Amino acid sequence: MADIVDKTTRSRMMSGIRAKDTKPEMLVRRALHAKGFRFRLHDRRLPGTPDIVLPRYRTVVEVRGCFWHYHGCRYSKIPASNTAKWQKKLEANRSRDARTDAQLMKLGWKVLVVWECVLRDQPKIALEKLSEDISGS
């Protein structure tokens, strides 16, 4: 199936996709802050530059978009055009995530992943579970 917009428009649209300060990430940050957690953002000293770093709890929180990190849910469909390229790209993202998570765990960090689909479907439950996982209760 051909793209419904021209190449220039698609390029502009794709360049507008942010890596930081996304809606799901902002939702998690606001919720954690409201619960009293204090954190750092995108600490470059750690492998993979995690989204949220809670040094007191030696925990990192990764807020992952289902499409870009190829979650396998209904939001992570591979585009119909240029399928081979997208398959390779998304699989590389998953491999990088696994490698980075392993490096963080080897350094003694607890890695928590929050998926975009869970935040969309059950935000209160997801955020409550996240805060419980951080505090260990």
Protein backbone atom coordinates (compact mmCIF):
# COMPACT_ATOMS: atom_id res chain seq x y z
CA MET A 1 0.00 0.00 0.00
CA ALA A 2 1.35 3.43 -0.93
CA ASP A 3 1.76 6.19 1.63
CA ILE A 4 -1.15 8.65 1.78
CA VAL A 5 1.14 11.69 2.03
CA ASP A 6 4.10 12.79 -0.06
CA LYS A 7 7.70 12.12 1.00
CA THR A 8 8.35 15.69 2.26
CA THR A 9 5.25 15.71 4.43
CA ARG A 10 6.04 12.26 5.85
CA SER A 11 9.59 13.41 6.65
CA ARG A 12 8.27 16.47 8.47
CA MET A 13 5.78 14.36 10.40
CA MET A 14 8.41 11.83 11.45
CA SER A 15 10.86 14.53 12.53
CA GLY A 16 8.21 15.81 14.94
CA ILE A 17 8.27 12.58 16.96
CA ARG A 18 10.08 13.31 20.19
CA ALA A 19 12.41 11.08 22.17
CA LYS A 20 12.10 13.08 25.40
CA ASP A 21 9.18 14.71 27.20
CA THR A 22 6.57 12.56 25.47
CA LYS A 23 3.02 12.50 26.81
CA PRO A 24 3.42 9.07 28.46
CA GLU A 25 6.72 10.14 30.02
CA MET A 26 5.23 13.37 31.36
CA LEU A 27 2.30 11.43 32.85
CA VAL A 28 4.69 9.12 34.71
CA ARG A 29 6.87 12.00 35.88
CA ARG A 30 3.90 13.97 37.25
CA ALA A 31 2.56 10.92 39.06
CA LEU A 32 5.92 10.06 40.62
CA HIS A 33 6.49 13.63 41.73
CA ALA A 34 3.01 13.81 43.26
CA LYS A 35 3.80 10.63 45.24
CA GLY A 36 6.90 12.31 46.65
CA PHE A 37 9.54 10.60 44.52
CA ARG A 38 12.43 12.78 43.44
CA PHE A 39 14.36 11.83 40.34
CA ARG A 40 16.76 12.84 37.62
CA LEU A 41 15.97 12.86 33.94
CA HIS A 42 17.98 11.27 31.14
CA ASP A 43 21.17 10.71 33.14
CA ARG A 44 23.88 10.37 30.51
CA ARG A 45 26.24 8.70 32.96
CA LEU A 46 24.14 5.53 32.82
CA PRO A 47 23.90 3.11 29.88
CA GLY A 48 21.09 4.01 27.51
CA THR A 49 20.38 7.39 29.15
CA PRO A 50 17.30 6.18 31.09
CA ASP A 51 14.15 8.33 31.04
CA ILE A 52 13.81 8.60 34.82
CA VAL A 53 16.49 7.84 37.39
CA LEU A 54 15.68 7.48 41.09
CA PRO A 55 19.13 7.36 42.74
CA ARG A 56 17.74 6.90 46.28
CA TYR A 57 16.08 3.66 45.22
CA ARG A 58 18.80 2.69 42.72
CA THR A 59 16.01 2.37 40.16
CA VAL A 60 15.52 3.53 36.59
CA VAL A 61 12.16 3.86 34.85
CA GLU A 62 11.95 3.47 31.10
CA VAL A 63 8.76 4.77 29.48
CA ARG A 64 8.59 2.92 26.18
CA GLY A 65 6.40 3.59 23.20
CA CYS A 66 4.80 0.41 21.90
CA PHE A 67 5.55 1.10 18.23
CA TRP A 68 9.19 2.18 18.52
CA HIS A 69 10.11 -0.56 20.98
CA TYR A 70 8.01 -3.22 19.19
CA HIS A 71 5.98 -4.29 22.20
CA GLY A 72 3.69 -6.67 20.34
CA CYS A 73 0.42 -5.08 21.43
CA ARG A 74 -2.21 -3.50 19.20
CA TYR A 75 -0.23 -0.24 19.01
CA SER A 76 2.89 -1.89 17.60
CA LYS A 77 1.93 -2.82 14.07
CA ILE A 78 4.67 -2.89 11.47
CA PRO A 79 3.91 -0.48 8.60
CA ALA A 80 2.63 -2.10 5.42
CA SER A 81 5.16 -0.32 3.21
CA ASN A 82 8.87 -1.04 3.43
CA THR A 83 8.17 -3.87 5.87
CA ALA A 84 11.66 -5.38 5.79
CA LYS A 85 13.29 -2.07 6.75
CA TRP A 86 10.85 -1.50 9.62
CA GLN A 87 11.19 -5.06 10.88
CA LYS A 88 14.97 -4.71 11.00
CA LYS A 89 14.78 -1.28 12.68
CA LEU A 90 12.29 -2.32 15.36
CA GLU A 91 14.12 -5.57 16.13
CA ALA A 92 17.35 -3.56 16.52
CA ASN A 93 15.54 -1.30 18.99
CA ARG A 94 14.42 -4.32 21.01
CA SER A 95 17.93 -5.76 21.02
CA ARG A 96 19.38 -2.44 22.16
CA ASP A 97 16.78 -2.22 24.95
CA ALA A 98 17.66 -5.71 26.20
CA ARG A 99 21.39 -4.95 26.08
CA THR A 100 20.96 -1.65 27.93
CA ASP A 101 18.69 -3.20 30.58
CA ALA A 102 21.25 -5.96 31.17
CA GLN A 103 24.06 -3.39 31.55
CA LEU A 104 22.02 -1.40 34.08
CA MET A 105 21.17 -4.53 36.09
CA LYS A 106 24.82 -5.58 36.06
CA LEU A 107 25.65 -2.17 37.59
CA GLY A 108 23.13 -2.86 40.35
CA TRP A 109 20.17 -0.84 39.10
CA LYS A 110 16.57 -2.04 39.14
CA VAL A 111 14.99 -1.47 35.73
CA LEU A 112 11.24 -0.80 35.53
CA VAL A 113 9.53 -0.53 32.16
CA VAL A 114 6.23 1.26 31.65
CA TRP A 115 4.55 0.63 28.30
CA GLU A 116 2.52 3.23 26.45
CA CYS A 117 -0.43 0.85 25.97
CA VAL A 118 -0.76 0.22 29.70
CA LEU A 119 -0.70 3.96 30.38
CA ARG A 120 -3.43 4.44 27.77
CA ASP A 121 -5.66 1.58 28.92
CA GLN A 122 -5.16 1.57 32.71
CA PRO A 123 -3.24 4.67 33.79
CA LYS A 124 -4.18 4.67 37.48
CA ILE A 125 -3.40 0.98 37.97
CA ALA A 126 -0.12 1.25 36.05
CA LEU A 127 1.07 4.30 38.00
CA GLU A 128 0.09 2.80 41.34
CA LYS A 129 1.95 -0.43 40.52
CA LEU A 130 4.98 1.59 39.43
CA SER A 131 5.16 3.49 42.70
CA GLU A 132 4.80 0.19 44.63
CA ASP A 133 7.58 -1.39 42.57
CA ILE A 134 9.88 1.56 43.28
CA SER A 135 9.31 1.72 47.02
CA GLY A 136 9.33 -2.07 47.35
CA SER A 137 6.06 -2.29 49.30
